[in-house]
Amino acid sequence: MQIHIQASDLPGRDCGPDSDFPGYENIHVGVQRKDRPDELLGPHPADAPSASWVLDCTATVTADGVEVAGPYVQNRLGGRFVYLSWGTVDRAGVFTMFRRAKLMFADIEPEVLESAARTGHLTGRLGLTDAKGQPLCARVRPPQITWSATGGA
């Protein structure tokens, strides 16, 4: 199965400080590889008009539902998920993470996940700017993200 993440409304490459946010410059976002926070798939600058990623994974139908696994699927207590990692990129090109958004498979309607396992394509669409104009973080639940079983990109 392929997971297509389609993001819009990025917050900008520079975000100033706020009461709970120190502010950062040269912000980028990418998908974190499982158990490797410094290894990202497709980092995009946060001032891009959109960002998208395609994750190859497996979807196994079990008695408890669909189990998704792959190199970019995290598996912790509480379930499986994908991390979108926000960080700064320095002059040497080194990415330093400062926050993450968590896309939980448990938040996908079971019928949608089952259909995606059959079609081979799951698409998640979301905006990446929070209500304060900062990079979206924490657990991202519907309606902030819309999941659908699709026929491809």
Protein backbone atom coordinates (compact mmCIF):
# COMPACT_ATOMS: atom_id res chain seq x y z
CA MET A 1 0.00 0.00 0.00
CA GLN A 2 1.10 3.57 -0.57
CA ILE A 3 0.25 6.40 1.78
CA HIS A 4 -0.01 9.77 0.07
CA ILE A 5 0.24 12.77 2.39
CA GLN A 6 -0.82 16.01 0.74
CA ALA A 7 -0.21 19.17 2.75
CA SER A 8 -1.12 22.77 2.11
CA ASP A 9 -1.12 26.03 4.07
CA LEU A 10 2.47 25.82 5.28
CA PRO A 11 3.36 28.39 7.98
CA GLY A 12 6.35 30.06 6.33
CA ARG A 13 10.09 29.55 6.47
CA ASP A 14 10.44 31.90 9.46
CA CYS A 15 8.05 31.95 12.43
CA GLY A 16 8.51 34.51 15.20
CA PRO A 17 8.28 33.82 18.92
CA ASP A 18 5.05 33.51 20.90
CA SER A 19 4.19 32.65 24.51
CA ASP A 20 4.86 28.91 24.00
CA PHE A 21 7.05 29.05 20.88
CA PRO A 22 10.60 30.46 20.82
CA GLY A 23 10.54 31.22 17.08
CA TYR A 24 12.67 29.64 14.36
CA GLU A 25 14.22 30.48 11.00
CA ASN A 26 14.72 28.40 7.85
CA ILE A 27 12.00 25.94 8.84
CA HIS A 28 11.49 22.71 6.88
CA VAL A 29 9.11 19.75 7.27
CA GLY A 30 9.57 16.09 6.31
CA VAL A 31 8.45 12.59 7.24
CA GLN A 32 10.56 10.99 9.97
CA ARG A 33 11.91 7.49 9.37
CA LYS A 34 10.95 4.96 12.03
CA ASP A 35 13.21 5.28 15.10
CA ARG A 36 15.54 7.68 13.24
CA PRO A 37 14.54 11.28 14.06
CA ASP A 38 17.40 12.72 12.01
CA GLU A 39 16.48 10.82 8.83
CA LEU A 40 13.72 12.51 6.83
CA LEU A 41 11.86 11.71 3.67
CA GLY A 42 11.36 14.67 1.35
CA PRO A 43 12.07 17.73 3.48
CA HIS A 44 10.21 20.78 2.14
CA PRO A 45 10.82 24.42 3.05
CA ALA A 46 7.92 25.71 5.14
CA ASP A 47 7.25 28.55 2.71
CA ALA A 48 6.42 26.16 -0.15
CA PRO A 49 2.87 26.43 -1.52
CA SER A 50 2.36 22.72 -0.73
CA ALA A 51 4.20 19.58 0.29
CA SER A 52 3.56 15.93 -0.46
CA TRP A 53 5.06 12.58 0.37
CA VAL A 54 4.48 8.99 -0.77
CA LEU A 55 5.24 6.26 1.76
CA ASP A 56 5.53 2.63 0.69
CA CYS A 57 4.21 0.30 3.36
CA THR A 58 2.36 -2.94 3.96
CA ALA A 59 -1.26 -3.22 5.05
CA THR A 60 -2.20 -6.50 6.70
CA VAL A 61 -5.82 -7.28 7.51
CA THR A 62 -6.06 -8.81 10.99
CA ALA A 63 -8.93 -9.70 13.32
CA ASP A 64 -8.41 -6.31 14.99
CA GLY A 65 -8.41 -4.31 11.74
CA VAL A 66 -5.73 -3.22 9.31
CA GLU A 67 -2.14 -3.18 10.54
CA VAL A 68 0.09 -0.74 8.66
CA ALA A 69 3.87 -1.14 8.72
CA GLY A 70 6.83 0.30 6.86
CA PRO A 71 10.05 2.28 7.18
CA TYR A 72 8.19 5.54 7.98
CA VAL A 73 5.48 4.05 10.21
CA GLN A 74 6.19 4.47 13.92
CA ASN A 75 4.93 1.73 16.26
CA ARG A 76 4.61 2.76 19.89
CA LEU A 77 2.28 1.98 22.74
CA GLY A 78 -1.02 3.47 21.73
CA GLY A 79 -0.73 2.61 18.07
CA ARG A 80 0.94 3.13 14.72
CA PHE A 81 1.44 6.54 13.19
CA VAL A 82 3.48 8.76 10.90
CA TYR A 83 5.51 11.73 12.20
CA LEU A 84 5.79 14.96 10.24
CA SER A 85 8.91 16.53 11.72
CA TRP A 86 9.50 20.28 11.81
CA GLY A 87 13.01 21.62 12.11
CA THR A 88 15.52 24.20 11.10
CA VAL A 89 18.20 23.70 8.46
CA ASP A 90 21.55 25.36 9.11
CA ARG A 91 24.09 26.60 6.55
CA ALA A 92 25.69 23.15 6.40
CA GLY A 93 22.30 21.60 5.56
CA VAL A 94 21.87 19.95 8.98
CA PHE A 95 18.25 19.49 10.07
CA THR A 96 17.48 20.07 13.78
CA MET A 97 13.98 19.03 14.82
CA PHE A 98 11.96 21.25 17.15
CA ARG A 99 8.43 19.78 16.95
CA ARG A 100 6.38 17.04 15.28
CA ALA A 101 2.86 16.35 14.09
CA LYS A 102 1.52 12.84 14.70
CA LEU A 103 -0.79 11.23 12.13
CA MET A 104 -2.41 8.25 13.90
CA PHE A 105 -3.84 5.31 11.97
CA ALA A 106 -6.29 4.76 14.85
CA ASP A 107 -7.93 8.07 13.86
CA ILE A 108 -8.82 6.75 10.40
CA GLU A 109 -12.34 5.34 10.01
CA PRO A 110 -11.96 1.53 9.86
CA GLU A 111 -13.93 1.36 6.59
CA VAL A 112 -11.56 3.86 4.96
CA LEU A 113 -8.47 1.95 6.10
CA GLU A 114 -9.96 -1.37 4.94
CA SER A 115 -10.82 0.13 1.55
CA ALA A 116 -7.30 1.59 1.26
CA ALA A 117 -5.82 -1.84 1.98
CA ARG A 118 -7.87 -3.17 -0.97
CA THR A 119 -7.10 -0.31 -3.41
CA GLY A 120 -3.46 0.02 -2.33
CA HIS A 121 -3.70 3.77 -1.75
CA LEU A 122 -4.47 5.84 1.35
CA THR A 123 -4.48 9.63 1.08
CA GLY A 124 -4.32 12.12 3.94
CA ARG A 125 -4.91 15.83 3.25
CA LEU A 126 -4.15 18.49 5.82
CA GLY A 127 -3.09 22.07 6.37
CA LEU A 128 0.19 22.53 8.24
CA THR A 129 -0.39 25.86 10.02
CA ASP A 130 -2.00 25.90 13.46
CA ALA A 131 -4.41 28.52 14.80
CA LYS A 132 -1.48 30.71 15.97
CA GLY A 133 0.21 30.68 12.54
CA GLN A 134 2.89 28.25 13.70
CA PRO A 135 3.88 24.78 12.42
CA LEU A 136 1.12 22.28 13.22
CA CYS A 137 2.13 19.85 15.96
CA ALA A 138 0.82 17.18 18.34
CA ARG A 139 -1.80 14.61 17.37
CA VAL A 140 -3.61 15.65 14.20
CA ARG A 141 -7.18 14.34 14.15
CA PRO A 142 -10.07 14.71 11.74
CA PRO A 143 -11.32 17.21 10.71
CA GLN A 144 -7.78 18.71 10.65
CA ILE A 145 -6.83 15.81 8.42
CA THR A 146 -9.06 14.08 5.88
CA TRP A 147 -8.29 10.45 5.11
CA SER A 148 -9.58 8.65 2.02
CA ALA A 149 -9.02 5.43 0.14
CA THR A 150 -7.93 6.47 -3.33
CA GLY A 151 -6.90 5.02 -6.65
CA GLY A 152 -3.46 6.68 -6.51
CA ALA A 153 -1.72 10.03 -6.55
